[in-house]
């Protein structure tokens, strides 16, 4: 049996429909072969351009609707200036959450990020496009990365946060705000750890997308070529 997947809420629906629609979907699709339900809330912090997911994994069909609503409320009300894009539900015949473990200390994640930034700088500082505008200026390279956070859940199998941005400090601050809201809302007990995800270690997959120049600073924004190609194919 193939996994069962549906979008149960999207921008424009009533806020309380997230839980109600999840309950309706579960009541129709759940059967004795289902082992785990994955609820994914996808949202965007509009003023900072941070895209993020709150993903909950549960094997209890009776509480899936309330879980979906609680996750939606946390995404919307804890983030500040947030737009929830959509909420999805996927049913699996196995426990897939056991494979997702993100438990590094944040200090280790920061170190990994700094090492990555240094590698990017070494790769692009001599690029003709950068050299043309960066002489005598401080140069900052921006590459989108993903910060994952695993929380110790209450009454469900697993709870994961995922956020995308160019600035690790902004990601840390935002993840802390959302995780604190999940803990205060009774969905989680504490943060278990983090993981930094870089699209690939192949820096040749990066290319310069844009360069912003100020009096004493140049900001070089880089893009993953393979991600761009994928997004174009799916449009």
Protein backbone atom coordinates (compact mmCIF):
# COMPACT_ATOMS: atom_id res chain seq x y z
CA UNK A 1 0.00 0.00 0.00
CA UNK A 2 1.34 3.42 -0.96
CA UNK A 3 1.46 6.21 1.63
CA UNK A 4 -1.67 8.35 1.80
CA UNK A 5 -1.07 12.10 1.46
CA UNK A 6 -3.27 15.18 1.44
CA UNK A 7 -3.16 18.94 1.92
CA UNK A 8 -5.75 19.55 4.63
CA UNK A 9 -5.35 23.33 5.01
CA UNK A 10 -4.05 26.17 2.87
CA UNK A 11 -3.90 29.93 3.10
CA UNK A 12 -7.39 31.38 2.98
CA UNK A 13 -9.11 28.62 4.95
CA UNK A 14 -10.51 29.25 8.41
CA UNK A 15 -7.84 28.78 11.08
CA UNK A 16 -9.79 26.12 12.98
CA UNK A 17 -10.19 24.08 9.78
CA UNK A 18 -6.67 22.69 10.26
CA UNK A 19 -7.79 20.42 13.08
CA UNK A 20 -11.25 19.73 11.71
CA UNK A 21 -9.99 18.79 8.26
CA UNK A 22 -7.31 16.57 9.74
CA UNK A 23 -9.94 14.67 11.74
CA UNK A 24 -12.09 14.22 8.64
CA UNK A 25 -9.18 12.93 6.58
CA UNK A 26 -7.97 10.56 9.31
CA UNK A 27 -11.48 9.14 9.82
CA UNK A 28 -11.68 8.22 6.12
CA UNK A 29 -8.13 7.03 5.51
CA UNK A 30 -6.92 5.38 8.71
CA UNK A 31 -6.99 1.56 8.78
CA UNK A 32 -5.35 -1.33 10.62
CA UNK A 33 -2.19 -1.15 8.47
CA UNK A 34 -1.34 2.46 9.40
CA UNK A 35 1.55 2.77 11.86
CA UNK A 36 2.29 6.49 11.80
CA UNK A 37 0.74 9.79 10.79
CA UNK A 38 2.94 12.75 9.81
CA UNK A 39 1.48 16.24 10.14
CA UNK A 40 3.52 19.04 8.56
CA UNK A 41 2.78 22.74 9.05
CA UNK A 42 4.62 24.91 6.51
CA UNK A 43 4.89 28.63 7.22
CA UNK A 44 6.89 31.78 6.52
CA UNK A 45 8.01 34.60 8.78
CA UNK A 46 7.33 37.42 6.40
CA UNK A 47 9.58 40.18 7.72
CA UNK A 48 12.71 37.98 7.77
CA UNK A 49 11.96 35.58 4.92
CA UNK A 50 12.39 32.50 7.10
CA UNK A 51 10.55 29.45 5.78
CA UNK A 52 9.89 26.80 8.37
CA UNK A 53 8.18 23.52 9.16
CA UNK A 54 6.70 22.09 12.34
CA UNK A 55 6.42 18.35 11.83
CA UNK A 56 4.70 15.99 14.25
CA UNK A 57 4.68 12.20 14.11
CA UNK A 58 1.97 10.23 15.89
CA UNK A 59 0.47 6.75 15.94
CA UNK A 60 -2.72 7.83 17.71
CA UNK A 61 -5.49 8.47 15.19
CA UNK A 62 -7.83 9.81 17.89
CA UNK A 63 -5.67 12.80 18.76
CA UNK A 64 -4.27 13.63 15.30
CA UNK A 65 -6.82 16.40 14.74
CA UNK A 66 -6.05 18.21 17.97
CA UNK A 67 -2.32 17.78 17.28
CA UNK A 68 -2.68 19.37 13.85
CA UNK A 69 -4.56 22.33 15.34
CA UNK A 70 -2.07 22.81 18.17
CA UNK A 71 0.83 22.74 15.70
CA UNK A 72 -0.94 25.22 13.43
CA UNK A 73 -1.59 27.58 16.35
CA UNK A 74 2.06 27.36 17.44
CA UNK A 75 3.28 28.13 13.92
CA UNK A 76 0.95 31.10 13.56
CA UNK A 77 0.90 32.69 16.99
CA UNK A 78 4.47 32.04 18.20
CA UNK A 79 6.34 33.21 15.13
CA UNK A 80 5.26 36.85 14.85
CA UNK A 81 4.25 38.29 11.45
CA UNK A 82 3.75 34.77 10.11
CA UNK A 83 1.82 33.37 7.20
CA UNK A 84 1.00 29.67 7.38
CA UNK A 85 1.13 28.44 3.78
CA UNK A 86 -0.41 24.98 4.15
CA UNK A 87 -0.77 21.90 6.36
CA UNK A 88 -0.36 18.35 5.10
CA UNK A 89 -1.06 14.89 6.45
CA UNK A 90 0.68 11.71 5.35
CA UNK A 91 -0.03 8.17 6.55
CA UNK A 92 2.60 5.43 6.61
CA UNK A 93 2.62 1.67 7.16
CA UNK A 94 5.81 1.93 9.22
CA UNK A 95 7.30 4.10 11.95
CA UNK A 96 9.42 6.48 9.88
CA UNK A 97 10.18 8.97 12.68
CA UNK A 98 12.81 6.68 14.19
CA UNK A 99 15.15 7.66 11.37
CA UNK A 100 15.11 11.38 12.22
CA UNK A 101 17.52 12.15 15.06
CA UNK A 102 18.92 15.69 15.50
CA UNK A 103 20.75 15.92 18.82
CA UNK A 104 23.93 17.92 18.36
CA UNK A 105 24.77 20.74 20.75
CA UNK A 106 24.14 24.17 19.27
CA UNK A 107 27.84 25.00 19.83
CA UNK A 108 28.80 22.19 17.46
CA UNK A 109 26.32 23.45 14.88
CA UNK A 110 27.79 26.96 15.09
CA UNK A 111 31.28 25.54 14.55
CA UNK A 112 30.13 23.58 11.49
CA UNK A 113 28.48 26.70 10.07
CA UNK A 114 31.61 28.82 10.56
CA UNK A 115 33.75 26.18 8.87
CA UNK A 116 31.31 26.09 5.97
CA UNK A 117 31.34 29.90 5.65
CA UNK A 118 35.15 29.91 5.60
CA UNK A 119 35.18 27.26 2.87
CA UNK A 120 32.70 29.31 0.81
CA UNK A 121 34.76 32.47 1.28
CA UNK A 122 37.94 30.69 0.17
CA UNK A 123 36.14 29.38 -2.90
CA UNK A 124 34.66 32.72 -4.05
CA UNK A 125 36.86 35.53 -2.72
CA UNK A 126 38.98 35.42 -5.88
CA UNK A 127 36.04 35.23 -8.26
CA UNK A 128 36.31 38.08 -10.82
CA UNK A 129 32.79 39.30 -10.03
CA UNK A 130 33.69 39.60 -6.34
CA UNK A 131 37.14 41.10 -6.87
CA UNK A 132 35.67 43.77 -9.12
CA UNK A 133 33.58 45.30 -6.34
CA UNK A 134 35.09 44.08 -3.08
CA UNK A 135 38.51 45.72 -2.96
CA UNK A 136 38.99 47.40 0.41
CA UNK A 137 35.63 46.20 1.66
CA UNK A 138 34.51 43.57 4.11
CA UNK A 139 32.93 40.71 2.15
CA UNK A 140 30.10 38.58 3.50
CA UNK A 141 28.90 35.44 1.70
CA UNK A 142 25.30 34.31 2.14
CA UNK A 143 24.22 30.73 1.44
CA UNK A 144 20.85 29.36 2.46
CA UNK A 145 21.11 26.59 5.03
CA UNK A 146 18.70 24.61 7.17
CA UNK A 147 18.62 24.36 10.95
CA UNK A 148 16.80 21.33 12.35
CA UNK A 149 15.70 21.01 15.96
CA UNK A 150 14.39 17.90 17.69
CA UNK A 151 12.20 18.33 20.75
CA UNK A 152 11.19 15.81 23.37
CA UNK A 153 7.47 15.48 22.60
CA UNK A 154 4.49 15.00 24.87
CA UNK A 155 2.23 12.06 23.91
CA UNK A 156 3.44 11.72 20.30
CA UNK A 157 6.29 9.88 18.60
CA UNK A 158 8.44 12.81 17.52
CA UNK A 159 8.39 16.59 17.02
CA UNK A 160 10.78 18.37 14.64
CA UNK A 161 11.35 22.02 13.70
CA UNK A 162 13.05 22.96 10.45
CA UNK A 163 13.90 26.49 9.29
CA UNK A 164 15.69 27.89 6.22
CA UNK A 165 17.66 31.13 6.06
CA UNK A 166 21.03 32.69 5.20
CA UNK A 167 21.82 33.77 8.76
CA UNK A 168 22.42 31.12 11.42
CA UNK A 169 21.93 33.64 14.22
CA UNK A 170 18.48 34.53 12.87
CA UNK A 171 17.64 30.84 12.58
CA UNK A 172 18.74 30.15 16.16
CA UNK A 173 16.66 33.00 17.54
CA UNK A 174 13.61 31.98 15.53
CA UNK A 175 13.87 28.28 16.38
CA UNK A 176 14.15 29.21 20.05
CA UNK A 177 10.96 31.29 19.84
CA UNK A 178 8.95 28.51 18.18
CA UNK A 179 10.32 25.74 20.40
CA UNK A 180 9.56 27.82 23.48
CA UNK A 181 5.99 28.22 22.24
CA UNK A 182 5.66 24.46 21.68
CA UNK A 183 6.95 23.78 25.19
CA UNK A 184 4.67 26.34 26.83
CA UNK A 185 1.78 25.00 24.74
CA UNK A 186 2.27 21.51 26.15
CA UNK A 187 3.40 19.82 22.93
CA UNK A 188 7.03 19.36 24.01
CA UNK A 189 9.05 19.03 27.20
CA UNK A 190 12.42 20.34 26.08
CA UNK A 191 14.84 20.71 23.16
CA UNK A 192 16.91 17.57 22.57
CA UNK A 193 19.35 19.01 20.05
CA UNK A 194 20.04 20.40 16.61
CA UNK A 195 21.45 19.58 13.19
CA UNK A 196 22.80 21.81 10.43
CA UNK A 197 21.87 20.75 6.92
CA UNK A 198 23.83 22.06 3.96
CA UNK A 199 22.45 21.14 0.56
CA UNK A 200 25.73 19.59 -0.59
CA UNK A 201 29.41 19.68 0.29
CA UNK A 202 30.22 20.30 -3.37
CA UNK A 203 30.94 24.03 -3.49
CA UNK A 204 31.06 23.86 -7.28
CA UNK A 205 27.27 23.57 -7.08
CA UNK A 206 27.17 27.16 -5.85
CA UNK A 207 27.03 30.19 -8.10
CA UNK A 208 26.77 33.92 -7.47
CA UNK A 209 23.19 35.12 -7.62
CA UNK A 210 23.60 38.74 -6.56
CA UNK A 211 26.16 41.16 -5.07
CA UNK A 212 25.15 44.12 -2.96
CA UNK A 213 27.76 46.85 -2.46
CA UNK A 214 27.88 49.48 0.28
CA UNK A 215 30.55 51.96 1.34
CA UNK A 216 32.56 49.52 3.43
CA UNK A 217 30.87 46.18 2.76
CA UNK A 218 29.95 43.80 -0.06
CA UNK A 219 27.36 41.07 0.41
CA UNK A 220 27.54 38.15 -2.00
CA UNK A 221 24.45 35.99 -2.21
CA UNK A 222 25.04 32.48 -3.52
CA UNK A 223 22.58 29.94 -4.88
CA UNK A 224 22.66 26.15 -5.22
CA UNK A 225 22.47 25.39 -8.95
CA UNK A 226 20.93 21.95 -8.48
CA UNK A 227 18.18 23.34 -6.24
CA UNK A 228 17.36 26.01 -8.78
CA UNK A 229 17.17 23.41 -11.55
CA UNK A 230 14.83 21.29 -9.44
CA UNK A 231 12.54 24.22 -8.67
CA UNK A 232 12.34 25.09 -12.38
CA UNK A 233 11.37 21.53 -13.28
CA UNK A 234 8.57 21.49 -10.71
CA UNK A 235 7.03 24.81 -11.72
